[in-house]
Amino acid sequence: MRLKNINRSTAVFWLFFIGAIAVDQLVKFVILEGFRWNSAALSIVLTLNKGVAFSLFASLGEALKYVQVALIVAAIAFVFWDKLTIRYATPLGVLLGAGCSNLLDRFMHGGVVDYIFWHYGFEFAVFNLADVAIDCSIAWILWRYLRRDRNKI
């Protein structure tokens, strides 16, 4: 029974991993083809982020993408070594797929394709769907982890 759960959760992980990459790259393709939009709250604009969040570590240049490759490979190895996919298959698939999609941008476009610019009330950094997926996945993992601990009491 345990092996069946591992196989199912592994399949779910890879499904969401590949799905996150596919959806994010499709949206980025539309943006790269010229789609733009403006409203009072947000705009769709094209920028290439050479760093990570808020352009941090942009000074690392080309080395940044190789550091990220190592981190993502290590994260995927840890997920399977520790059998985290049994409990967190969906959010980990989305999290690491979205991270790989942003990393793919670095190799294909020289930087991460960002396009969502929030400017209602204050101006926020330009970000993309993968960034949102990463944030939501982390929140989902934390929620499930904390909920699991509460159920043990």
C-alpha atoms as a PDB file:
ATOM      1  CA  MET A   1       0.000   0.000   0.000  1.00  0.00           C
ATOM      2  CA  ARG A   2       2.839   2.387   0.856  1.00  0.00           C
ATOM      3  CA  LEU A   3       4.476   1.861  -2.539  1.00  0.00           C
ATOM      4  CA  LYS A   4       1.160   2.593  -4.254  1.00  0.00           C
ATOM      5  CA  ASN A   5       0.930   5.940  -2.380  1.00  0.00           C
ATOM      6  CA  ILE A   6       4.507   6.806  -3.352  1.00  0.00           C
ATOM      7  CA  ASN A   7       3.870   6.049  -7.033  1.00  0.00           C
ATOM      8  CA  ARG A   8       0.628   8.049  -7.052  1.00  0.00           C
ATOM      9  CA  SER A   9       2.174  11.017  -5.253  1.00  0.00           C
ATOM     10  CA  THR A  10       5.203  10.936  -7.551  1.00  0.00           C
ATOM     11  CA  ALA A  11       2.894  11.047 -10.579  1.00  0.00           C
ATOM     12  CA  VAL A  12       0.942  13.943  -9.038  1.00  0.00           C
ATOM     13  CA  PHE A  13       4.195  15.793  -8.326  1.00  0.00           C
ATOM     14  CA  TRP A  14       5.405  15.457 -11.940  1.00  0.00           C
ATOM     15  CA  LEU A  15       1.979  16.350 -13.344  1.00  0.00           C
ATOM     16  CA  PHE A  16       1.893  19.629 -11.406  1.00  0.00           C
ATOM     17  CA  PHE A  17       5.605  20.255 -12.021  1.00  0.00           C
ATOM     18  CA  ILE A  18       5.169  20.010 -15.800  1.00  0.00           C
ATOM     19  CA  GLY A  19       1.798  21.798 -15.670  1.00  0.00           C
ATOM     20  CA  ALA A  20       3.284  24.777 -13.817  1.00  0.00           C
ATOM     21  CA  ILE A  21       6.034  25.105 -16.406  1.00  0.00           C
ATOM     22  CA  ALA A  22       3.619  24.750 -19.338  1.00  0.00           C
ATOM     23  CA  VAL A  23       1.061  27.289 -18.085  1.00  0.00           C
ATOM     24  CA  ASP A  24       3.697  29.826 -17.057  1.00  0.00           C
ATOM     25  CA  GLN A  25       5.599  29.535 -20.334  1.00  0.00           C
ATOM     26  CA  LEU A  26       2.359  29.883 -22.319  1.00  0.00           C
ATOM     27  CA  VAL A  27       1.481  33.122 -20.520  1.00  0.00           C
ATOM     28  CA  LYS A  28       5.030  34.404 -21.011  1.00  0.00           C
ATOM     29  CA  PHE A  29       4.833  33.553 -24.719  1.00  0.00           C
ATOM     30  CA  VAL A  30       1.718  35.756 -25.019  1.00  0.00           C
ATOM     31  CA  ILE A  31       3.517  38.593 -23.217  1.00  0.00           C
ATOM     32  CA  LEU A  32       6.637  38.198 -25.364  1.00  0.00           C
ATOM     33  CA  GLU A  33       4.431  38.343 -28.475  1.00  0.00           C
ATOM     34  CA  GLY A  34       3.343  41.848 -27.461  1.00  0.00           C
ATOM     35  CA  PHE A  35       0.255  41.591 -25.255  1.00  0.00           C
ATOM     36  CA  ARG A  36      -0.080  44.680 -23.022  1.00  0.00           C
ATOM     37  CA  TRP A  37      -2.864  45.931 -20.781  1.00  0.00           C
ATOM     38  CA  ASN A  38      -3.391  48.855 -18.391  1.00  0.00           C
ATOM     39  CA  SER A  39      -5.922  49.589 -15.669  1.00  0.00           C
ATOM     40  CA  ALA A  40      -6.100  51.794 -12.604  1.00  0.00           C
ATOM     41  CA  ALA A  41      -4.751  48.971 -10.411  1.00  0.00           C
ATOM     42  CA  LEU A  42      -2.275  47.050 -12.523  1.00  0.00           C
ATOM     43  CA  SER A  43      -0.584  46.914 -15.873  1.00  0.00           C
ATOM     44  CA  ILE A  44       0.838  44.187 -18.051  1.00  0.00           C
ATOM     45  CA  VAL A  45       4.325  45.314 -19.096  1.00  0.00           C
ATOM     46  CA  LEU A  46       7.372  43.350 -20.216  1.00  0.00           C
ATOM     47  CA  THR A  47      10.565  43.415 -18.183  1.00  0.00           C
ATOM     48  CA  LEU A  48      13.487  41.020 -17.911  1.00  0.00           C
ATOM     49  CA  ASN A  49      14.663  40.551 -14.334  1.00  0.00           C
ATOM     50  CA  LYS A  50      18.360  39.688 -14.243  1.00  0.00           C
ATOM     51  CA  GLY A  51      18.240  38.992 -10.490  1.00  0.00           C
ATOM     52  CA  VAL A  52      15.840  37.184  -8.201  1.00  0.00           C
ATOM     53  CA  ALA A  53      13.086  38.831  -6.145  1.00  0.00           C
ATOM     54  CA  PHE A  54      13.330  42.626  -6.363  1.00  0.00           C
ATOM     55  CA  SER A  55      16.395  42.159  -8.651  1.00  0.00           C
ATOM     56  CA  LEU A  56      18.532  40.854  -5.790  1.00  0.00           C
ATOM     57  CA  PHE A  57      21.772  39.119  -6.800  1.00  0.00           C
ATOM     58  CA  ALA A  58      21.671  40.583 -10.330  1.00  0.00           C
ATOM     59  CA  SER A  59      25.359  41.327  -9.829  1.00  0.00           C
ATOM     60  CA  LEU A  60      26.069  37.573 -10.064  1.00  0.00           C
ATOM     61  CA  GLY A  61      25.311  37.770 -13.788  1.00  0.00           C
ATOM     62  CA  GLU A  62      25.454  34.455 -15.650  1.00  0.00           C
ATOM     63  CA  ALA A  63      26.533  32.601 -12.495  1.00  0.00           C
ATOM     64  CA  LEU A  64      23.099  33.177 -10.942  1.00  0.00           C
ATOM     65  CA  LYS A  65      21.357  30.724 -13.257  1.00  0.00           C
ATOM     66  CA  TYR A  66      23.866  27.982 -12.427  1.00  0.00           C
ATOM     67  CA  VAL A  67      23.441  28.600  -8.710  1.00  0.00           C
ATOM     68  CA  GLN A  68      19.693  28.259  -9.244  1.00  0.00           C
ATOM     69  CA  VAL A  69      20.131  25.030 -11.228  1.00  0.00           C
ATOM     70  CA  ALA A  70      22.084  23.557  -8.314  1.00  0.00           C
ATOM     71  CA  LEU A  71      19.455  24.699  -5.801  1.00  0.00           C
ATOM     72  CA  ILE A  72      16.528  23.286  -7.781  1.00  0.00           C
ATOM     73  CA  VAL A  73      18.274  19.956  -8.415  1.00  0.00           C
ATOM     74  CA  ALA A  74      19.116  19.727  -4.705  1.00  0.00           C
ATOM     75  CA  ALA A  75      15.518  20.584  -3.764  1.00  0.00           C
ATOM     76  CA  ILE A  76      14.077  17.926  -6.096  1.00  0.00           C
ATOM     77  CA  ALA A  77      16.552  15.339  -4.778  1.00  0.00           C
ATOM     78  CA  PHE A  78      15.645  16.204  -1.189  1.00  0.00           C
ATOM     79  CA  VAL A  79      11.900  16.034  -1.925  1.00  0.00           C
ATOM     80  CA  PHE A  80      12.233  12.476  -3.227  1.00  0.00           C
ATOM     81  CA  TRP A  81      14.882  11.347  -0.726  1.00  0.00           C
ATOM     82  CA  ASP A  82      12.715  12.476   2.208  1.00  0.00           C
ATOM     83  CA  LYS A  83       9.509  11.231   0.496  1.00  0.00           C
ATOM     84  CA  LEU A  84       7.909  14.665   0.890  1.00  0.00           C
ATOM     85  CA  THR A  85       5.780  14.031  -2.179  1.00  0.00           C
ATOM     86  CA  ILE A  86       3.573  11.694  -0.149  1.00  0.00           C
ATOM     87  CA  ARG A  87       2.081  14.635   1.768  1.00  0.00           C
ATOM     88  CA  TYR A  88       3.002  17.667  -0.367  1.00  0.00           C
ATOM     89  CA  ALA A  89       2.982  16.370  -3.973  1.00  0.00           C
ATOM     90  CA  THR A  90       0.780  19.087  -5.459  1.00  0.00           C
ATOM     91  CA  PRO A  91       2.264  22.209  -3.845  1.00  0.00           C
ATOM     92  CA  LEU A  92       5.841  20.937  -4.265  1.00  0.00           C
ATOM     93  CA  GLY A  93       5.181  20.169  -7.931  1.00  0.00           C
ATOM     94  CA  VAL A  94       3.841  23.683  -8.482  1.00  0.00           C
ATOM     95  CA  LEU A  95       6.634  25.269  -6.425  1.00  0.00           C
ATOM     96  CA  LEU A  96       9.509  23.544  -8.185  1.00  0.00           C
ATOM     97  CA  GLY A  97       7.846  23.708 -11.611  1.00  0.00           C
ATOM     98  CA  ALA A  98       7.346  27.456 -11.276  1.00  0.00           C
ATOM     99  CA  GLY A  99      10.948  27.829 -10.136  1.00  0.00           C
ATOM    100  CA  CYS A 100      12.137  25.832 -13.151  1.00  0.00           C
ATOM    101  CA  SER A 101       9.996  27.954 -15.453  1.00  0.00           C
ATOM    102  CA  ASN A 102      11.680  31.122 -14.196  1.00  0.00           C
ATOM    103  CA  LEU A 103      15.056  29.395 -14.537  1.00  0.00           C
ATOM    104  CA  LEU A 104      14.205  28.383 -18.102  1.00  0.00           C
ATOM    105  CA  ASP A 105      13.628  32.090 -18.844  1.00  0.00           C
ATOM    106  CA  ARG A 106      17.191  32.840 -17.775  1.00  0.00           C
ATOM    107  CA  PHE A 107      18.557  30.396 -20.335  1.00  0.00           C
ATOM    108  CA  MET A 108      16.156  31.368 -23.136  1.00  0.00           C
ATOM    109  CA  HIS A 109      15.843  35.150 -22.633  1.00  0.00           C
ATOM    110  CA  GLY A 110      18.773  36.193 -20.442  1.00  0.00           C
ATOM    111  CA  GLY A 111      16.500  37.040 -17.505  1.00  0.00           C
ATOM    112  CA  VAL A 112      13.156  36.152 -15.955  1.00  0.00           C
ATOM    113  CA  VAL A 113      10.179  37.405 -17.971  1.00  0.00           C
ATOM    114  CA  ASP A 114       8.167  39.574 -15.563  1.00  0.00           C
ATOM    115  CA  TYR A 115       5.000  41.389 -16.600  1.00  0.00           C
ATOM    116  CA  ILE A 116       2.523  42.090 -13.770  1.00  0.00           C
ATOM    117  CA  PHE A 117       2.965  45.619 -12.412  1.00  0.00           C
ATOM    118  CA  TRP A 118       0.777  46.489  -9.420  1.00  0.00           C
ATOM    119  CA  HIS A 119       0.407  50.268  -8.987  1.00  0.00           C
ATOM    120  CA  TYR A 120      -2.800  50.820  -7.016  1.00  0.00           C
ATOM    121  CA  GLY A 121      -2.064  52.797  -3.861  1.00  0.00           C
ATOM    122  CA  PHE A 122       1.642  52.012  -4.148  1.00  0.00           C
ATOM    123  CA  GLU A 123       4.036  50.747  -6.773  1.00  0.00           C
ATOM    124  CA  PHE A 124       5.150  47.163  -6.355  1.00  0.00           C
ATOM    125  CA  ALA A 125       7.889  45.259  -8.151  1.00  0.00           C
ATOM    126  CA  VAL A 126       7.021  43.704 -11.508  1.00  0.00           C
ATOM    127  CA  PHE A 127       6.414  39.955 -11.151  1.00  0.00           C
ATOM    128  CA  ASN A 128       4.909  37.009 -13.034  1.00  0.00           C
ATOM    129  CA  LEU A 129       2.555  34.040 -12.650  1.00  0.00           C
ATOM    130  CA  ALA A 130       5.386  31.730 -11.560  1.00  0.00           C
ATOM    131  CA  ASP A 131       6.216  34.113  -8.710  1.00  0.00           C
ATOM    132  CA  VAL A 132       2.585  33.995  -7.556  1.00  0.00           C
ATOM    133  CA  ALA A 133       2.577  30.179  -7.846  1.00  0.00           C
ATOM    134  CA  ILE A 134       5.758  29.959  -5.759  1.00  0.00           C
ATOM    135  CA  ASP A 135       4.298  32.174  -3.018  1.00  0.00           C
ATOM    136  CA  CYS A 136       0.989  30.291  -2.974  1.00  0.00           C
ATOM    137  CA  SER A 137       2.768  26.916  -2.889  1.00  0.00           C
ATOM    138  CA  ILE A 138       4.864  27.942   0.104  1.00  0.00           C
ATOM    139  CA  ALA A 139       1.753  29.167   1.923  1.00  0.00           C
ATOM    140  CA  TRP A 140      -0.019  25.888   1.054  1.00  0.00           C
ATOM    141  CA  ILE A 141       2.870  23.767   2.374  1.00  0.00           C
ATOM    142  CA  LEU A 142       3.064  25.799   5.592  1.00  0.00           C
ATOM    143  CA  TRP A 143      -0.707  25.582   6.086  1.00  0.00           C
ATOM    144  CA  ARG A 144      -0.721  21.800   5.590  1.00  0.00           C
ATOM    145  CA  TYR A 145       2.305  21.372   7.851  1.00  0.00           C
ATOM    146  CA  LEU A 146       0.844  23.475  10.657  1.00  0.00           C
ATOM    147  CA  ARG A 147      -2.531  21.819  10.298  1.00  0.00           C
ATOM    148  CA  ARG A 148      -0.914  18.382  10.535  1.00  0.00           C
ATOM    149  CA  ASP A 149       0.842  19.340  13.775  1.00  0.00           C
ATOM    150  CA  ARG A 150      -2.412  20.694  15.233  1.00  0.00           C
ATOM    151  CA  ASN A 151      -4.197  17.413  14.443  1.00  0.00           C
ATOM    152  CA  LYS A 152      -1.550  15.463  16.414  1.00  0.00           C
ATOM    153  CA  ILE A 153      -2.449  17.257  19.677  1.00  0.00           C
END
